Amino acid sequence: KEYLKALEFEERYRDYQGIAVTKAQIGLIEKELFNFPEAVEAFTIALELFKRLQSPNAAPLEAAIKAAADMVDLATFKECQKQAKGYVEQLTTTE
């Protein structure tokens, strides 16, 4: 619940680093709760933002996505990635 409050604040102020970190943490929680599609989506958002920020944190997220992706079917994985990339595009292009 606290992560969602932090995320709301970070989104409001376009804190991309903060959003990436929070989404990575949410992904870890979702993975531990066996909510693998949600984990894939959260990890993908974090990865996309870290890549845009040229952060070294992108590399570990690729492994996290692979681990979570192994637990969902391909169609679900692709849909989660599509949703995540759409979120990042909207976040980074909306003024």
N, C-alpha and C. Protein backbone atom coordinates (compact mmCIF):
# COMPACT_ATOMS: atom_id res chain seq x y z
N LYS A 1 0.83 -1.19 0.00
CA LYS A 1 0.00 0.00 0.00
C LYS A 1 0.88 1.26 0.00
N GLU A 2 1.93 1.24 0.78
CA GLU A 2 2.83 2.39 0.84
C GLU A 2 3.53 2.61 -0.50
N TYR A 3 3.85 1.52 -1.18
CA TYR A 3 4.48 1.66 -2.49
C TYR A 3 3.55 2.37 -3.46
N LEU A 4 2.27 2.09 -3.36
CA LEU A 4 1.31 2.74 -4.26
C LEU A 4 1.21 4.23 -3.97
N LYS A 5 1.30 4.61 -2.69
CA LYS A 5 1.30 6.03 -2.34
C LYS A 5 2.55 6.71 -2.89
N ALA A 6 3.68 6.04 -2.76
CA ALA A 6 4.93 6.59 -3.29
C ALA A 6 4.84 6.73 -4.81
N LEU A 7 4.29 5.72 -5.46
CA LEU A 7 4.15 5.74 -6.91
C LEU A 7 3.28 6.90 -7.36
N GLU A 8 2.19 7.14 -6.67
CA GLU A 8 1.30 8.26 -7.02
C GLU A 8 2.06 9.59 -6.95
N PHE A 9 2.82 9.78 -5.91
CA PHE A 9 3.63 10.99 -5.74
C PHE A 9 4.68 11.10 -6.86
N GLU A 10 5.37 10.01 -7.13
CA GLU A 10 6.42 10.01 -8.16
C GLU A 10 5.84 10.28 -9.54
N GLU A 11 4.68 9.72 -9.83
CA GLU A 11 4.04 9.98 -11.12
C GLU A 11 3.64 11.45 -11.24
N ARG A 12 3.11 11.99 -10.18
CA ARG A 12 2.67 13.39 -10.21
C ARG A 12 3.84 14.32 -10.55
N TYR A 13 5.02 14.03 -9.99
CA TYR A 13 6.18 14.89 -10.19
C TYR A 13 7.16 14.38 -11.24
N ARG A 14 6.73 13.36 -11.98
CA ARG A 14 7.55 12.81 -13.08
C ARG A 14 8.95 12.41 -12.61
N ASP A 15 8.99 11.77 -11.46
CA ASP A 15 10.25 11.28 -10.89
C ASP A 15 10.52 9.89 -11.48
N TYR A 16 11.12 9.87 -12.67
CA TYR A 16 11.31 8.61 -13.39
C TYR A 16 12.18 7.61 -12.63
N GLN A 17 13.22 8.09 -12.00
CA GLN A 17 14.08 7.21 -11.19
C GLN A 17 13.26 6.59 -10.05
N GLY A 18 12.48 7.43 -9.38
CA GLY A 18 11.65 6.94 -8.29
C GLY A 18 10.61 5.94 -8.75
N ILE A 19 9.98 6.23 -9.89
CA ILE A 19 8.98 5.31 -10.44
C ILE A 19 9.63 3.97 -10.76
N ALA A 20 10.80 4.02 -11.37
CA ALA A 20 11.50 2.78 -11.73
C ALA A 20 11.81 1.94 -10.49
N VAL A 21 12.31 2.58 -9.46
CA VAL A 21 12.65 1.86 -8.23
C VAL A 21 11.39 1.29 -7.58
N THR A 22 10.35 2.10 -7.51
CA THR A 22 9.10 1.64 -6.90
C THR A 22 8.49 0.50 -7.70
N LYS A 23 8.48 0.61 -9.02
CA LYS A 23 7.92 -0.47 -9.85
C LYS A 23 8.75 -1.75 -9.69
N ALA A 24 10.06 -1.62 -9.56
CA ALA A 24 10.89 -2.81 -9.33
C ALA A 24 10.51 -3.48 -8.00
N GLN A 25 10.28 -2.67 -6.97
CA GLN A 25 9.89 -3.21 -5.67
C GLN A 25 8.51 -3.86 -5.75
N ILE A 26 7.59 -3.21 -6.44
CA ILE A 26 6.26 -3.79 -6.62
C ILE A 26 6.36 -5.11 -7.38
N GLY A 27 7.23 -5.16 -8.39
CA GLY A 27 7.44 -6.40 -9.13
C GLY A 27 7.92 -7.53 -8.23
N LEU A 28 8.83 -7.21 -7.33
CA LEU A 28 9.33 -8.23 -6.39
C LEU A 28 8.21 -8.74 -5.49
N ILE A 29 7.39 -7.82 -5.00
CA ILE A 29 6.27 -8.22 -4.14
C ILE A 29 5.29 -9.09 -4.92
N GLU A 30 4.94 -8.66 -6.12
CA GLU A 30 4.00 -9.44 -6.94
C GLU A 30 4.56 -10.84 -7.23
N LYS A 31 5.85 -10.91 -7.50
CA LYS A 31 6.47 -12.22 -7.77
C LYS A 31 6.39 -13.12 -6.54
N GLU A 32 6.65 -12.55 -5.37
CA GLU A 32 6.57 -13.34 -4.13
C GLU A 32 5.14 -13.80 -3.85
N LEU A 33 4.16 -13.03 -4.32
CA LEU A 33 2.75 -13.39 -4.13
C LEU A 33 2.23 -14.27 -5.26
N PHE A 34 3.14 -14.68 -6.16
CA PHE A 34 2.80 -15.53 -7.30
C PHE A 34 1.87 -14.83 -8.29
N ASN A 35 1.90 -13.52 -8.33
CA ASN A 35 1.16 -12.73 -9.31
C ASN A 35 2.12 -12.41 -10.46
N PHE A 36 2.44 -13.41 -11.24
CA PHE A 36 3.50 -13.27 -12.23
C PHE A 36 3.20 -12.28 -13.36
N PRO A 37 1.98 -12.21 -13.88
CA PRO A 37 1.74 -11.19 -14.91
C PRO A 37 1.97 -9.76 -14.38
N GLU A 38 1.52 -9.50 -13.16
CA GLU A 38 1.73 -8.19 -12.56
C GLU A 38 3.21 -7.92 -12.33
N ALA A 39 3.93 -8.96 -11.96
CA ALA A 39 5.38 -8.83 -11.77
C ALA A 39 6.07 -8.49 -13.09
N VAL A 40 5.70 -9.20 -14.15
CA VAL A 40 6.30 -8.94 -15.46
C VAL A 40 6.04 -7.49 -15.87
N GLU A 41 4.81 -7.02 -15.69
CA GLU A 41 4.48 -5.66 -16.09
C GLU A 41 5.27 -4.63 -15.26
N ALA A 42 5.32 -4.82 -13.96
CA ALA A 42 6.04 -3.88 -13.10
C ALA A 42 7.54 -3.89 -13.42
N PHE A 43 8.11 -5.07 -13.57
CA PHE A 43 9.54 -5.17 -13.90
C PHE A 43 9.83 -4.53 -15.26
N THR A 44 8.93 -4.71 -16.22
CA THR A 44 9.15 -4.15 -17.56
C THR A 44 9.11 -2.63 -17.51
N ILE A 45 8.19 -2.07 -16.75
CA ILE A 45 8.14 -0.61 -16.59
C ILE A 45 9.45 -0.12 -15.99
N ALA A 46 9.89 -0.78 -14.94
CA ALA A 46 11.15 -0.38 -14.30
C ALA A 46 12.31 -0.48 -15.29
N LEU A 47 12.37 -1.58 -16.03
CA LEU A 47 13.44 -1.77 -17.00
C LEU A 47 13.44 -0.68 -18.06
N GLU A 48 12.28 -0.39 -18.63
CA GLU A 48 12.20 0.64 -19.67
C GLU A 48 12.66 2.00 -19.14
N LEU A 49 12.24 2.34 -17.94
CA LEU A 49 12.65 3.62 -17.37
C LEU A 49 14.15 3.64 -17.05
N PHE A 50 14.66 2.56 -16.48
CA PHE A 50 16.10 2.50 -16.19
C PHE A 50 16.92 2.60 -17.47
N LYS A 51 16.45 1.98 -18.55
CA LYS A 51 17.17 2.08 -19.83
C LYS A 51 17.20 3.53 -20.30
N ARG A 52 16.07 4.21 -20.20
CA ARG A 52 16.02 5.61 -20.62
C ARG A 52 16.93 6.49 -19.78
N LEU A 53 17.09 6.11 -18.53
CA LEU A 53 17.96 6.85 -17.61
C LEU A 53 19.41 6.38 -17.69
N GLN A 54 19.68 5.39 -18.52
CA GLN A 54 21.00 4.79 -18.66
C GLN A 54 21.54 4.31 -17.32
N SER A 55 20.67 3.69 -16.57
CA SER A 55 21.00 3.20 -15.23
C SER A 55 21.57 1.79 -15.28
N PRO A 56 22.54 1.50 -14.43
CA PRO A 56 23.06 0.13 -14.35
C PRO A 56 22.04 -0.84 -13.74
N ASN A 57 20.96 -0.31 -13.20
CA ASN A 57 19.93 -1.17 -12.61
C ASN A 57 19.13 -1.93 -13.67
N ALA A 58 19.32 -1.58 -14.93
CA ALA A 58 18.57 -2.27 -15.99
C ALA A 58 18.97 -3.74 -16.08
N ALA A 59 20.23 -4.06 -15.92
CA ALA A 59 20.70 -5.45 -16.09
C ALA A 59 20.02 -6.43 -15.14
N PRO A 60 19.95 -6.15 -13.84
CA PRO A 60 19.29 -7.12 -12.95
C PRO A 60 17.79 -7.29 -13.26
N LEU A 61 17.18 -6.25 -13.79
CA LEU A 61 15.76 -6.35 -14.10
C LEU A 61 15.50 -7.29 -15.28
N GLU A 62 16.44 -7.37 -16.19
CA GLU A 62 16.28 -8.31 -17.30
C GLU A 62 16.19 -9.74 -16.77
N ALA A 63 17.01 -10.05 -15.77
CA ALA A 63 16.96 -11.38 -15.16
C ALA A 63 15.65 -11.58 -14.39
N ALA A 64 15.18 -10.56 -13.72
CA ALA A 64 13.93 -10.65 -12.97
C ALA A 64 12.75 -10.88 -13.91
N ILE A 65 12.76 -10.18 -15.05
CA ILE A 65 11.69 -10.36 -16.03
C ILE A 65 11.72 -11.79 -16.57
N LYS A 66 12.88 -12.30 -16.86
CA LYS A 66 12.99 -13.66 -17.39
C LYS A 66 12.44 -14.67 -16.38
N ALA A 67 12.79 -14.50 -15.12
CA ALA A 67 12.31 -15.43 -14.09
C ALA A 67 10.79 -15.39 -13.97
N ALA A 68 10.22 -14.20 -13.98
CA ALA A 68 8.76 -14.08 -13.87
C ALA A 68 8.08 -14.55 -15.16
N ALA A 69 8.71 -14.26 -16.30
CA ALA A 69 8.13 -14.63 -17.60
C ALA A 69 8.03 -16.14 -17.76
N ASP A 70 8.94 -16.87 -17.13
CA ASP A 70 8.91 -18.32 -17.20
C ASP A 70 7.64 -18.90 -16.57
N MET A 71 6.94 -18.06 -15.79
CA MET A 71 5.75 -18.53 -15.08
C MET A 71 4.43 -18.12 -15.76
N VAL A 72 4.52 -17.47 -16.93
CA VAL A 72 3.30 -17.08 -17.66
C VAL A 72 3.40 -17.56 -19.10
N ASP A 73 2.25 -17.68 -19.76
CA ASP A 73 2.27 -18.09 -21.16
C ASP A 73 2.72 -16.91 -22.03
N LEU A 74 3.09 -17.22 -23.25
CA LEU A 74 3.66 -16.22 -24.15
C LEU A 74 2.69 -15.07 -24.44
N ALA A 75 1.43 -15.39 -24.65
CA ALA A 75 0.44 -14.34 -24.95
C ALA A 75 0.31 -13.38 -23.77
N THR A 76 0.28 -13.91 -22.57
CA THR A 76 0.19 -13.07 -21.37
C THR A 76 1.45 -12.22 -21.23
N PHE A 77 2.60 -12.84 -21.47
CA PHE A 77 3.87 -12.11 -21.38
C PHE A 77 3.87 -10.93 -22.35
N LYS A 78 3.47 -11.18 -23.60
CA LYS A 78 3.46 -10.11 -24.60
C LYS A 78 2.48 -9.00 -24.23
N GLU A 79 1.32 -9.37 -23.71
CA GLU A 79 0.33 -8.37 -23.30
C GLU A 79 0.86 -7.53 -22.14
N CYS A 80 1.52 -8.16 -21.19
CA CYS A 80 2.10 -7.42 -20.06
C CYS A 80 3.17 -6.45 -20.55
N GLN A 81 3.99 -6.90 -21.48
CA GLN A 81 5.03 -6.03 -22.04
C GLN A 81 4.40 -4.85 -22.79
N LYS A 82 3.34 -5.13 -23.55
CA LYS A 82 2.65 -4.08 -24.30
C LYS A 82 2.07 -3.04 -23.34
N GLN A 83 1.41 -3.51 -22.29
CA GLN A 83 0.83 -2.60 -21.30
C GLN A 83 1.91 -1.75 -20.64
N ALA A 84 3.01 -2.39 -20.27
CA ALA A 84 4.10 -1.69 -19.60
C ALA A 84 4.72 -0.62 -20.50
N LYS A 85 4.96 -0.97 -21.74
CA LYS A 85 5.57 -0.01 -22.67
C LYS A 85 4.61 1.14 -22.97
N GLY A 86 3.32 0.84 -23.02
CA GLY A 86 2.32 1.90 -23.20
C GLY A 86 2.31 2.86 -22.02
N TYR A 87 2.43 2.31 -20.81
CA TYR A 87 2.48 3.14 -19.61
C TYR A 87 3.69 4.07 -19.65
N VAL A 88 4.85 3.52 -20.02
CA VAL A 88 6.07 4.32 -20.07
C VAL A 88 5.97 5.40 -21.14
N GLU A 89 5.44 5.05 -22.30
CA GLU A 89 5.28 6.04 -23.36
C GLU A 89 4.37 7.18 -22.92
N GLN A 90 3.25 6.83 -22.32
CA GLN A 90 2.31 7.85 -21.86
C GLN A 90 2.95 8.70 -20.77
N LEU A 91 3.64 8.08 -19.86
CA LEU A 91 4.30 8.80 -18.76
C LEU A 91 5.34 9.78 -19.27
N THR A 92 6.12 9.35 -20.25
CA THR A 92 7.24 10.18 -20.69
C THR A 92 6.88 11.17 -21.79
N THR A 93 5.67 11.06 -22.35
CA THR A 93 5.31 12.02 -23.41
C THR A 93 4.22 13.00 -22.96
N THR A 94 3.53 12.71 -21.86
CA THR A 94 2.50 13.60 -21.36
C THR A 94 3.13 14.72 -20.58
N GLU A 95 2.72 15.91 -20.88
CA GLU A 95 3.26 17.08 -20.17
C GLU A 95 2.52 17.32 -18.88
